[in-house]
Structure formats: structure tokens, C-alpha cells
């Protein structure tokens, strides 16, 4: 598989997994229960922050890319950034009201 296609598919998968783990309830509320179970400490903050969680979800995807170690390190952050961009594009738009 071409590296560019692998990166694109990885970014989509990272966005989907991160969204599922941090924002959705999942079937039988499994992911909601996991988030509630980890509490409010380090792990709780990690799974409740899309940006933070995308960094760690992206790590194994970057590791599997057929590039150098430096390329994997750069891809790790780029894939997380791509997932964050996808999240911002698909989330509810920010509404700004100016009162006169």
C-alpha cells in the first residue's frame, strides 16, 4: 500500500478511534463506563480530552508506517494533528453573537 494512502487511512482511523473513546457512549455504554471508571485523575483527563488522546492513539499507527524512525516521530504528531483537524471540521460550529 502506498505510504500516502496509508497515512490518509491512518488519520481517518485515528480520528474515529479517538472520537469513539473520548466522546461517544458506544454499544451498551461501554466507553461511557470506561471514562467514568477511570475517574478524574491523569487517565480521566486523558480520555476526556480529544487532543490528548489523539496523540496516544496515533502512536501505534505511526510506528507501523514503513519509514525511518525520524519519519515515524514526525508522522506521529502529523497523524494526531490530522485527527484534530478532522474533529474540528466535523464538530459543531462555533457561534459568535455580537450584541448591539
PDB file of N, CA and C in Angstrom:
ATOM      1  N   UNK A   1       0.855  -1.177   0.000  1.00  0.00           N
ATOM      2  CA  UNK A   1       0.000   0.000   0.000  1.00  0.00           C
ATOM      3  C   UNK A   1       0.900   1.238   0.000  1.00  0.00           C
ATOM      4  N   UNK A   2       0.522   2.211  -0.770  1.00  0.00           N
ATOM      5  CA  UNK A   2       1.268   3.460  -0.860  1.00  0.00           C
ATOM      6  C   UNK A   2       1.289   4.161   0.507  1.00  0.00           C
ATOM      7  N   UNK A   3       2.417   4.782   0.832  1.00  0.00           N
ATOM      8  CA  UNK A   3       2.565   5.426   2.136  1.00  0.00           C
ATOM      9  C   UNK A   3       1.551   6.555   2.316  1.00  0.00           C
ATOM     10  N   UNK A   4       1.265   7.306   1.255  1.00  0.00           N
ATOM     11  CA  UNK A   4       0.302   8.409   1.373  1.00  0.00           C
ATOM     12  C   UNK A   4      -1.097   7.886   1.674  1.00  0.00           C
ATOM     13  N   UNK A   5      -1.473   6.799   1.021  1.00  0.00           N
ATOM     14  CA  UNK A   5      -2.784   6.200   1.286  1.00  0.00           C
ATOM     15  C   UNK A   5      -2.824   5.640   2.709  1.00  0.00           C
ATOM     16  N   UNK A   6      -1.731   5.030   3.144  1.00  0.00           N
ATOM     17  CA  UNK A   6      -1.661   4.504   4.498  1.00  0.00           C
ATOM     18  C   UNK A   6      -1.785   5.633   5.521  1.00  0.00           C
ATOM     19  N   UNK A   7      -1.163   6.782   5.246  1.00  0.00           N
ATOM     20  CA  UNK A   7      -1.272   7.933   6.149  1.00  0.00           C
ATOM     21  C   UNK A   7      -2.698   8.469   6.186  1.00  0.00           C
ATOM     22  N   UNK A   8      -3.341   8.558   5.037  1.00  0.00           N
ATOM     23  CA  UNK A   8      -4.719   9.041   4.979  1.00  0.00           C
ATOM     24  C   UNK A   8      -5.657   8.108   5.744  1.00  0.00           C
ATOM     25  N   UNK A   9      -5.533   6.815   5.494  1.00  0.00           N
ATOM     26  CA  UNK A   9      -6.381   5.860   6.196  1.00  0.00           C
ATOM     27  C   UNK A   9      -6.078   5.843   7.695  1.00  0.00           C
ATOM     28  N   UNK A  10      -4.818   6.000   8.043  1.00  0.00           N
ATOM     29  CA  UNK A  10      -4.445   6.058   9.460  1.00  0.00           C
ATOM     30  C   UNK A  10      -5.071   7.265  10.132  1.00  0.00           C
ATOM     31  N   UNK A  11      -5.027   8.420   9.476  1.00  0.00           N
ATOM     32  CA  UNK A  11      -5.610   9.637  10.052  1.00  0.00           C
ATOM     33  C   UNK A  11      -7.108   9.462  10.287  1.00  0.00           C
ATOM     34  N   UNK A  12      -7.797   8.854   9.328  1.00  0.00           N
ATOM     35  CA  UNK A  12      -9.230   8.609   9.493  1.00  0.00           C
ATOM     36  C   UNK A  12      -9.492   7.627  10.640  1.00  0.00           C
ATOM     37  N   UNK A  13      -8.694   6.581  10.722  1.00  0.00           N
ATOM     38  CA  UNK A  13      -8.865   5.601  11.796  1.00  0.00           C
ATOM     39  C   UNK A  13      -8.553   6.215  13.157  1.00  0.00           C
ATOM     40  N   UNK A  14      -7.532   7.040  13.229  1.00  0.00           N
ATOM     41  CA  UNK A  14      -7.183   7.698  14.495  1.00  0.00           C
ATOM     42  C   UNK A  14      -8.305   8.620  14.925  1.00  0.00           C
ATOM     43  N   UNK A  15      -8.846   9.382  13.980  1.00  0.00           N
ATOM     44  CA  UNK A  15      -9.969  10.261  14.324  1.00  0.00           C
ATOM     45  C   UNK A  15     -11.142   9.429  14.848  1.00  0.00           C
ATOM     46  N   UNK A  16     -11.449   8.336  14.153  1.00  0.00           N
ATOM     47  CA  UNK A  16     -12.605   7.525  14.551  1.00  0.00           C
ATOM     48  C   UNK A  16     -12.415   6.895  15.926  1.00  0.00           C
ATOM     49  N   UNK A  17     -11.259   6.310  16.159  1.00  0.00           N
ATOM     50  CA  UNK A  17     -10.997   5.687  17.458  1.00  0.00           C
ATOM     51  C   UNK A  17     -10.979   6.711  18.587  1.00  0.00           C
ATOM     52  N   UNK A  18     -10.340   7.837  18.347  1.00  0.00           N
ATOM     53  CA  UNK A  18     -10.274   8.870  19.381  1.00  0.00           C
ATOM     54  C   UNK A  18     -11.656   9.416  19.677  1.00  0.00           C
ATOM     55  N   UNK A  19     -12.451   9.641  18.648  1.00  0.00           N
ATOM     56  CA  UNK A  19     -13.814  10.131  18.830  1.00  0.00           C
ATOM     57  C   UNK A  19     -14.640   9.120  19.621  1.00  0.00           C
ATOM     58  N   UNK A  20     -14.505   7.850  19.262  1.00  0.00           N
ATOM     59  CA  UNK A  20     -15.243   6.794  19.948  1.00  0.00           C
ATOM     60  C   UNK A  20     -14.858   6.730  21.422  1.00  0.00           C
ATOM     61  N   UNK A  21     -13.565   6.757  21.713  1.00  0.00           N
ATOM     62  CA  UNK A  21     -13.101   6.615  23.093  1.00  0.00           C
ATOM     63  C   UNK A  21     -13.397   7.834  23.960  1.00  0.00           C
ATOM     64  N   UNK A  22     -13.316   9.029  23.371  1.00  0.00           N
ATOM     65  CA  UNK A  22     -13.416  10.230  24.205  1.00  0.00           C
ATOM     66  C   UNK A  22     -14.793  10.899  24.207  1.00  0.00           C
ATOM     67  N   UNK A  23     -15.609  10.657  23.189  1.00  0.00           N
ATOM     68  CA  UNK A  23     -16.849  11.428  23.074  1.00  0.00           C
ATOM     69  C   UNK A  23     -18.125  10.611  22.945  1.00  0.00           C
ATOM     70  N   UNK A  24     -18.026   9.324  22.669  1.00  0.00           N
ATOM     71  CA  UNK A  24     -19.226   8.538  22.432  1.00  0.00           C
ATOM     72  C   UNK A  24     -19.483   7.565  23.577  1.00  0.00           C
ATOM     73  N   UNK A  25     -20.732   7.144  23.683  1.00  0.00           N
ATOM     74  CA  UNK A  25     -21.087   6.157  24.697  1.00  0.00           C
ATOM     75  C   UNK A  25     -20.736   4.754  24.248  1.00  0.00           C
ATOM     76  N   UNK A  26     -20.902   4.466  22.978  1.00  0.00           N
ATOM     77  CA  UNK A  26     -20.616   3.141  22.459  1.00  0.00           C
ATOM     78  C   UNK A  26     -21.755   2.180  22.738  1.00  0.00           C
ATOM     79  N   UNK A  27     -21.640   0.971  22.187  1.00  0.00           N
ATOM     80  CA  UNK A  27     -22.689  -0.016  22.428  1.00  0.00           C
ATOM     81  C   UNK A  27     -22.736  -0.394  23.906  1.00  0.00           C
ATOM     82  N   UNK A  28     -23.934  -0.472  24.431  1.00  0.00           N
ATOM     83  CA  UNK A  28     -24.177  -0.790  25.836  1.00  0.00           C
ATOM     84  C   UNK A  28     -23.436   0.171  26.774  1.00  0.00           C
ATOM     85  N   UNK A  29     -23.172   1.379  26.304  1.00  0.00           N
ATOM     86  CA  UNK A  29     -22.482   2.428  27.085  1.00  0.00           C
ATOM     87  C   UNK A  29     -21.108   1.986  27.588  1.00  0.00           C
ATOM     88  N   UNK A  30     -20.444   1.137  26.841  1.00  0.00           N
ATOM     89  CA  UNK A  30     -19.141   0.610  27.254  1.00  0.00           C
ATOM     90  C   UNK A  30     -18.114   1.724  27.420  1.00  0.00           C
ATOM     91  N   UNK A  31     -18.008   2.602  26.453  1.00  0.00           N
ATOM     92  CA  UNK A  31     -16.982   3.641  26.506  1.00  0.00           C
ATOM     93  C   UNK A  31     -17.322   4.713  27.528  1.00  0.00           C
ATOM     94  N   UNK A  32     -18.605   4.962  27.718  1.00  0.00           N
ATOM     95  CA  UNK A  32     -19.016   5.876  28.775  1.00  0.00           C
ATOM     96  C   UNK A  32     -18.620   5.319  30.134  1.00  0.00           C
ATOM     97  N   UNK A  33     -18.838   4.028  30.338  1.00  0.00           N
ATOM     98  CA  UNK A  33     -18.469   3.400  31.615  1.00  0.00           C
ATOM     99  C   UNK A  33     -16.955   3.401  31.825  1.00  0.00           C
ATOM    100  N   UNK A  34     -16.213   3.201  30.768  1.00  0.00           N
ATOM    101  CA  UNK A  34     -14.744   3.256  30.883  1.00  0.00           C
ATOM    102  C   UNK A  34     -14.304   4.646  31.319  1.00  0.00           C
ATOM    103  N   UNK A  35     -14.870   5.675  30.668  1.00  0.00           N
ATOM    104  CA  UNK A  35     -14.499   7.051  31.039  1.00  0.00           C
ATOM    105  C   UNK A  35     -14.881   7.355  32.481  1.00  0.00           C
ATOM    106  N   UNK A  36     -16.045   6.895  32.893  1.00  0.00           N
ATOM    107  CA  UNK A  36     -16.466   7.122  34.277  1.00  0.00           C
ATOM    108  C   UNK A  36     -15.608   6.321  35.248  1.00  0.00           C
ATOM    109  N   UNK A  37     -15.173   5.142  34.830  1.00  0.00           N
ATOM    110  CA  UNK A  37     -14.389   4.276  35.696  1.00  0.00           C
ATOM    111  C   UNK A  37     -12.979   4.769  35.962  1.00  0.00           C
ATOM    112  N   UNK A  38     -12.402   5.500  35.013  1.00  0.00           N
ATOM    113  CA  UNK A  38     -11.022   5.956  35.215  1.00  0.00           C
ATOM    114  C   UNK A  38     -10.956   7.192  36.102  1.00  0.00           C
ATOM    115  N   UNK A  39     -12.095   7.798  36.393  1.00  0.00           N
ATOM    116  CA  UNK A  39     -12.130   8.917  37.334  1.00  0.00           C
ATOM    117  C   UNK A  39     -11.678  10.235  36.746  1.00  0.00           C
ATOM    118  N   UNK A  40     -11.169  11.099  37.624  1.00  0.00           N
ATOM    119  CA  UNK A  40     -10.797  12.451  37.208  1.00  0.00           C
ATOM    120  C   UNK A  40      -9.295  12.702  37.288  1.00  0.00           C
ATOM    121  N   UNK A  41      -8.516  11.674  37.545  1.00  0.00           N
ATOM    122  CA  UNK A  41      -7.064  11.819  37.631  1.00  0.00           C
ATOM    123  C   UNK A  41      -6.436  11.918  36.253  1.00  0.00           C
ATOM    124  N   UNK A  42      -5.199  11.453  36.165  1.00  0.00           N
ATOM    125  CA  UNK A  42      -4.454  11.514  34.900  1.00  0.00           C
ATOM    126  C   UNK A  42      -5.192  10.800  33.780  1.00  0.00           C
ATOM    127  N   UNK A  43      -5.610   9.553  34.022  1.00  0.00           N
ATOM    128  CA  UNK A  43      -6.285   8.764  32.983  1.00  0.00           C
ATOM    129  C   UNK A  43      -7.635   9.351  32.618  1.00  0.00           C
ATOM    130  N   UNK A  44      -8.332   9.894  33.597  1.00  0.00           N
ATOM    131  CA  UNK A  44      -9.617  10.514  33.319  1.00  0.00           C
ATOM    132  C   UNK A  44      -9.478  11.746  32.442  1.00  0.00           C
ATOM    133  N   UNK A  45      -8.461  12.542  32.730  1.00  0.00           N
ATOM    134  CA  UNK A  45      -8.215  13.717  31.900  1.00  0.00           C
ATOM    135  C   UNK A  45      -7.778  13.315  30.494  1.00  0.00           C
ATOM    136  N   UNK A  46      -7.014  12.226  30.410  1.00  0.00           N
ATOM    137  CA  UNK A  46      -6.540  11.762  29.106  1.00  0.00           C
ATOM    138  C   UNK A  46      -7.690  11.325  28.212  1.00  0.00           C
ATOM    139  N   UNK A  47      -8.601  10.518  28.722  1.00  0.00           N
ATOM    140  CA  UNK A  47      -9.677  10.012  27.872  1.00  0.00           C
ATOM    141  C   UNK A  47     -10.778  11.035  27.634  1.00  0.00           C
ATOM    142  N   UNK A  48     -10.823  12.094  28.405  1.00  0.00           N
ATOM    143  CA  UNK A  48     -11.838  13.125  28.199  1.00  0.00           C
ATOM    144  C   UNK A  48     -11.343  14.269  27.316  1.00  0.00           C
ATOM    145  N   UNK A  49     -10.082  14.256  26.949  1.00  0.00           N
ATOM    146  CA  UNK A  49      -9.521  15.303  26.089  1.00  0.00           C
ATOM    147  C   UNK A  49      -9.214  14.701  24.723  1.00  0.00           C
ATOM    148  N   UNK A  50      -9.957  15.113  23.711  1.00  0.00           N
ATOM    149  CA  UNK A  50      -9.752  14.578  22.363  1.00  0.00           C
ATOM    150  C   UNK A  50      -8.330  14.830  21.901  1.00  0.00           C
ATOM    151  N   UNK A  51      -7.826  16.025  22.121  1.00  0.00           N
ATOM    152  CA  UNK A  51      -6.478  16.378  21.650  1.00  0.00           C
ATOM    153  C   UNK A  51      -5.421  15.501  22.304  1.00  0.00           C
ATOM    154  N   UNK A  52      -5.510  15.315  23.607  1.00  0.00           N
ATOM    155  CA  UNK A  52      -4.532  14.498  24.343  1.00  0.00           C
ATOM    156  C   UNK A  52      -4.601  13.045  23.907  1.00  0.00           C
ATOM    157  N   UNK A  53      -5.800  12.526  23.812  1.00  0.00           N
ATOM    158  CA  UNK A  53      -5.976  11.121  23.473  1.00  0.00           C
ATOM    159  C   UNK A  53      -5.528  10.827  22.044  1.00  0.00           C
ATOM    160  N   UNK A  54      -5.710  11.772  21.135  1.00  0.00           N
ATOM    161  CA  UNK A  54      -5.312  11.527  19.745  1.00  0.00           C
ATOM    162  C   UNK A  54      -3.804  11.327  19.626  1.00  0.00           C
ATOM    163  N   UNK A  55      -3.031  11.956  20.492  1.00  0.00           N
ATOM    164  CA  UNK A  55      -1.581  11.773  20.466  1.00  0.00           C
ATOM    165  C   UNK A  55      -1.236  10.309  20.729  1.00  0.00           C
ATOM    166  N   UNK A  56      -1.894   9.719  21.731  1.00  0.00           N
ATOM    167  CA  UNK A  56      -1.565   8.345  22.116  1.00  0.00           C
ATOM    168  C   UNK A  56      -2.205   7.318  21.195  1.00  0.00           C
ATOM    169  N   UNK A  57      -3.335   7.636  20.616  1.00  0.00           N
ATOM    170  CA  UNK A  57      -3.938   6.728  19.640  1.00  0.00           C
ATOM    171  C   UNK A  57      -3.096   6.711  18.363  1.00  0.00           C
ATOM    172  N   UNK A  58      -2.486   7.837  18.018  1.00  0.00           N
ATOM    173  CA  UNK A  58      -1.682   7.936  16.797  1.00  0.00           C
ATOM    174  C   UNK A  58      -0.354   7.191  16.889  1.00  0.00           C
ATOM    175  N   UNK A  59       0.154   6.982  18.090  1.00  0.00           N
ATOM    176  CA  UNK A  59       1.483   6.380  18.256  1.00  0.00           C
ATOM    177  C   UNK A  59       1.629   5.018  17.566  1.00  0.00           C
ATOM    178  N   UNK A  60       0.743   4.056  17.793  1.00  0.00           N
ATOM    179  CA  UNK A  60       0.935   2.762  17.111  1.00  0.00           C
ATOM    180  C   UNK A  60       0.771   2.851  15.591  1.00  0.00           C
ATOM    181  N   UNK A  61      -0.071   3.760  15.124  1.00  0.00           N
ATOM    182  CA  UNK A  61      -0.228   3.927  13.681  1.00  0.00           C
ATOM    183  C   UNK A  61       1.063   4.461  13.056  1.00  0.00           C
ATOM    184  N   UNK A  62       1.685   5.420  13.716  1.00  0.00           N
ATOM    185  CA  UNK A  62       2.947   5.969  13.210  1.00  0.00           C
ATOM    186  C   UNK A  62       4.048   4.923  13.244  1.00  0.00           C
ATOM    187  N   UNK A  63       4.046   4.105  14.274  1.00  0.00           N
ATOM    188  CA  UNK A  63       5.061   3.059  14.397  1.00  0.00           C
ATOM    189  C   UNK A  63       4.988   2.070  13.238  1.00  0.00           C
ATOM    190  N   UNK A  64       3.794   1.802  12.755  1.00  0.00           N
ATOM    191  CA  UNK A  64       3.605   0.816  11.691  1.00  0.00           C
ATOM    192  C   UNK A  64       3.899   1.355  10.296  1.00  0.00           C
ATOM    193  N   UNK A  65       4.142   2.644  10.158  1.00  0.00           N
ATOM    194  CA  UNK A  65       4.461   3.196   8.842  1.00  0.00           C
ATOM    195  C   UNK A  65       5.844   2.726   8.396  1.00  0.00           C
ATOM    196  N   UNK A  66       5.991   2.404   7.123  1.00  0.00           N
ATOM    197  CA  UNK A  66       7.286   1.920   6.620  1.00  0.00           C
ATOM    198  C   UNK A  66       8.249   3.071   6.302  1.00  0.00           C
ATOM    199  N   UNK A  67       8.630   3.808   7.322  1.00  0.00           N
ATOM    200  CA  UNK A  67       9.545   4.939   7.161  1.00  0.00           C
ATOM    201  C   UNK A  67      10.638   4.844   8.231  1.00  0.00           C
ATOM    202  N   UNK A  68      11.557   5.800   8.211  1.00  0.00           N
ATOM    203  CA  UNK A  68      12.628   5.820   9.207  1.00  0.00           C
ATOM    204  C   UNK A  68      12.065   6.196  10.574  1.00  0.00           C
ATOM    205  N   UNK A  69      12.906   6.047  11.605  1.00  0.00           N
ATOM    206  CA  UNK A  69      12.462   6.412  12.954  1.00  0.00           C
ATOM    207  C   UNK A  69      12.148   7.894  13.045  1.00  0.00           C
ATOM    208  N   UNK A  70      12.935   8.724  12.384  1.00  0.00           N
ATOM    209  CA  UNK A  70      12.638  10.162  12.375  1.00  0.00           C
ATOM    210  C   UNK A  70      11.311  10.419  11.669  1.00  0.00           C
ATOM    211  N   UNK A  71      11.064   9.689  10.592  1.00  0.00           N
ATOM    212  CA  UNK A  71       9.790   9.813   9.875  1.00  0.00           C
ATOM    213  C   UNK A  71       8.614   9.369  10.724  1.00  0.00           C
ATOM    214  N   UNK A  72       8.822   8.323  11.507  1.00  0.00           N
ATOM    215  CA  UNK A  72       7.754   7.864  12.405  1.00  0.00           C
ATOM    216  C   UNK A  72       7.442   8.907  13.469  1.00  0.00           C
ATOM    217  N   UNK A  73       8.480   9.527  13.997  1.00  0.00           N
ATOM    218  CA  UNK A  73       8.282  10.561  15.022  1.00  0.00           C
ATOM    219  C   UNK A  73       7.490  11.739  14.458  1.00  0.00           C
ATOM    220  N   UNK A  74       7.852  12.168  13.276  1.00  0.00           N
ATOM    221  CA  UNK A  74       7.128  13.276  12.629  1.00  0.00           C
ATOM    222  C   UNK A  74       5.705  12.848  12.275  1.00  0.00           C
ATOM    223  N   UNK A  75       5.565  11.628  11.761  1.00  0.00           N
ATOM    224  CA  UNK A  75       4.235  11.126  11.391  1.00  0.00           C
ATOM    225  C   UNK A  75       3.336  11.004  12.616  1.00  0.00           C
ATOM    226  N   UNK A  76       3.902  10.660  13.757  1.00  0.00           N
ATOM    227  CA  UNK A  76       3.127  10.541  14.998  1.00  0.00           C
ATOM    228  C   UNK A  76       2.378  11.831  15.268  1.00  0.00           C
ATOM    229  N   UNK A  77       3.105  12.943  15.247  1.00  0.00           N
ATOM    230  CA  UNK A  77       2.483  14.243  15.528  1.00  0.00           C
ATOM    231  C   UNK A  77       1.597  14.707  14.381  1.00  0.00           C
ATOM    232  N   UNK A  78       1.996  14.398  13.148  1.00  0.00           N
ATOM    233  CA  UNK A  78       1.183  14.794  11.991  1.00  0.00           C
ATOM    234  C   UNK A  78      -0.145  14.046  11.968  1.00  0.00           C
ATOM    235  N   UNK A  79      -0.127  12.760  12.287  1.00  0.00           N
ATOM    236  CA  UNK A  79      -1.369  11.987  12.304  1.00  0.00           C
ATOM    237  C   UNK A  79      -2.293  12.467  13.413  1.00  0.00           C
ATOM    238  N   UNK A  80      -1.728  12.779  14.565  1.00  0.00           N
ATOM    239  CA  UNK A  80      -2.549  13.343  15.646  1.00  0.00           C
ATOM    240  C   UNK A  80      -3.141  14.680  15.204  1.00  0.00           C
ATOM    241  N   UNK A  81      -2.335  15.509  14.570  1.00  0.00           N
ATOM    242  CA  UNK A  81      -2.817  16.797  14.069  1.00  0.00           C
ATOM    243  C   UNK A  81      -3.914  16.635  13.033  1.00  0.00           C
ATOM    244  N   UNK A  82      -3.779  15.635  12.160  1.00  0.00           N
ATOM    245  CA  UNK A  82      -4.812  15.385  11.154  1.00  0.00           C
ATOM    246  C   UNK A  82      -6.121  14.972  11.818  1.00  0.00           C
ATOM    247  N   UNK A  83      -6.039  14.142  12.850  1.00  0.00           N
ATOM    248  CA  UNK A  83      -7.249  13.742  13.574  1.00  0.00           C
ATOM    249  C   UNK A  83      -7.898  14.941  14.252  1.00  0.00           C
ATOM    250  N   UNK A  84      -7.078  15.819  14.799  1.00  0.00           N
ATOM    251  CA  UNK A  84      -7.607  17.028  15.440  1.00  0.00           C
ATOM    252  C   UNK A  84      -8.282  17.924  14.410  1.00  0.00           C
ATOM    253  N   UNK A  85      -7.666  18.082  13.247  1.00  0.00           N
ATOM    254  CA  UNK A  85      -8.293  18.884  12.182  1.00  0.00           C
ATOM    255  C   UNK A  85      -9.628  18.278  11.754  1.00  0.00           C
ATOM    256  N   UNK A  86      -9.668  16.960  11.613  1.00  0.00           N
ATOM    257  CA  UNK A  86     -10.930  16.306  11.261  1.00  0.00           C
ATOM    258  C   UNK A  86     -11.988  16.536  12.332  1.00  0.00           C
ATOM    259  N   UNK A  87     -11.579  16.479  13.585  1.00  0.00           N
ATOM    260  CA  UNK A  87     -12.525  16.721  14.676  1.00  0.00           C
ATOM    261  C   UNK A  87     -13.060  18.145  14.631  1.00  0.00           C
ATOM    262  N   UNK A  88     -12.177  19.095  14.386  1.00  0.00           N
ATOM    263  CA  UNK A  88     -12.626  20.492  14.325  1.00  0.00           C
ATOM    264  C   UNK A  88     -13.529  20.735  13.132  1.00  0.00           C
ATOM    265  N   UNK A  89     -13.276  20.046  12.022  1.00  0.00           N
ATOM    266  CA  UNK A  89     -14.116  20.205  10.830  1.00  0.00           C
ATOM    267  C   UNK A  89     -15.488  19.565  11.003  1.00  0.00           C
ATOM    268  N   UNK A  90     -15.568  18.514  11.801  1.00  0.00           N
ATOM    269  CA  UNK A  90     -16.831  17.790  11.931  1.00  0.00           C
ATOM    270  C   UNK A  90     -17.603  18.143  13.197  1.00  0.00           C
ATOM    271  N   UNK A  91     -17.012  18.898  14.094  1.00  0.00           N
ATOM    272  CA  UNK A  91     -17.727  19.249  15.326  1.00  0.00           C
ATOM    273  C   UNK A  91     -18.673  20.413  15.060  1.00  0.00           C
ATOM    274  N   UNK A  92     -19.520  20.666  16.017  1.00  0.00           N
ATOM    275  CA  UNK A  92     -20.473  21.761  15.887  1.00  0.00           C
ATOM    276  C   UNK A  92     -19.736  23.076  15.699  1.00  0.00           C
ATOM    277  N   UNK A  93     -20.213  23.919  14.796  1.00  0.00           N
ATOM    278  CA  UNK A  93     -19.523  25.180  14.574  1.00  0.00           C
ATOM    279  C   UNK A  93     -19.642  26.117  15.766  1.00  0.00           C
ATOM    280  N   UNK A  94     -18.649  26.923  15.925  1.00  0.00           N
ATOM    281  CA  UNK A  94     -18.643  27.926  16.981  1.00  0.00           C
ATOM    282  C   UNK A  94     -19.563  29.066  16.552  1.00  0.00           C
ATOM    283  N   UNK A  95     -20.459  29.439  17.417  1.00  0.00           N
ATOM    284  CA  UNK A  95     -21.388  30.511  17.117  1.00  0.00           C
ATOM    285  C   UNK A  95     -21.003  31.746  17.934  1.00  0.00           C
ATOM    286  N   UNK A  96     -20.765  32.835  17.229  1.00  0.00           N
ATOM    287  CA  UNK A  96     -20.386  34.077  17.895  1.00  0.00           C
ATOM    288  C   UNK A  96     -21.520  35.078  17.679  1.00  0.00           C
ATOM    289  N   UNK A  97     -22.006  35.630  18.778  1.00  0.00           N
ATOM    290  CA  UNK A  97     -23.086  36.625  18.686  1.00  0.00           C
ATOM    291  C   UNK A  97     -22.555  37.968  19.146  1.00  0.00           C
ATOM    292  N   UNK A  98     -22.853  38.968  18.369  1.00  0.00           N
ATOM    293  CA  UNK A  98     -22.461  40.327  18.721  1.00  0.00           C
ATOM    294  C   UNK A  98     -23.717  41.066  19.111  1.00  0.00           C
ATOM    295  N   UNK A  99     -23.759  41.490  20.366  1.00  0.00           N
ATOM    296  CA  UNK A  99     -24.929  42.220  20.831  1.00  0.00           C
ATOM    297  C   UNK A  99     -24.681  43.707  20.636  1.00  0.00           C
ATOM    298  N   UNK A 100     -25.693  44.352  20.136  1.00  0.00           N
ATOM    299  CA  UNK A 100     -25.569  45.799  19.885  1.00  0.00           C
ATOM    300  C   UNK A 100     -26.296  46.584  20.920  1.00  0.00           C
TER     301      UNK A 100
END
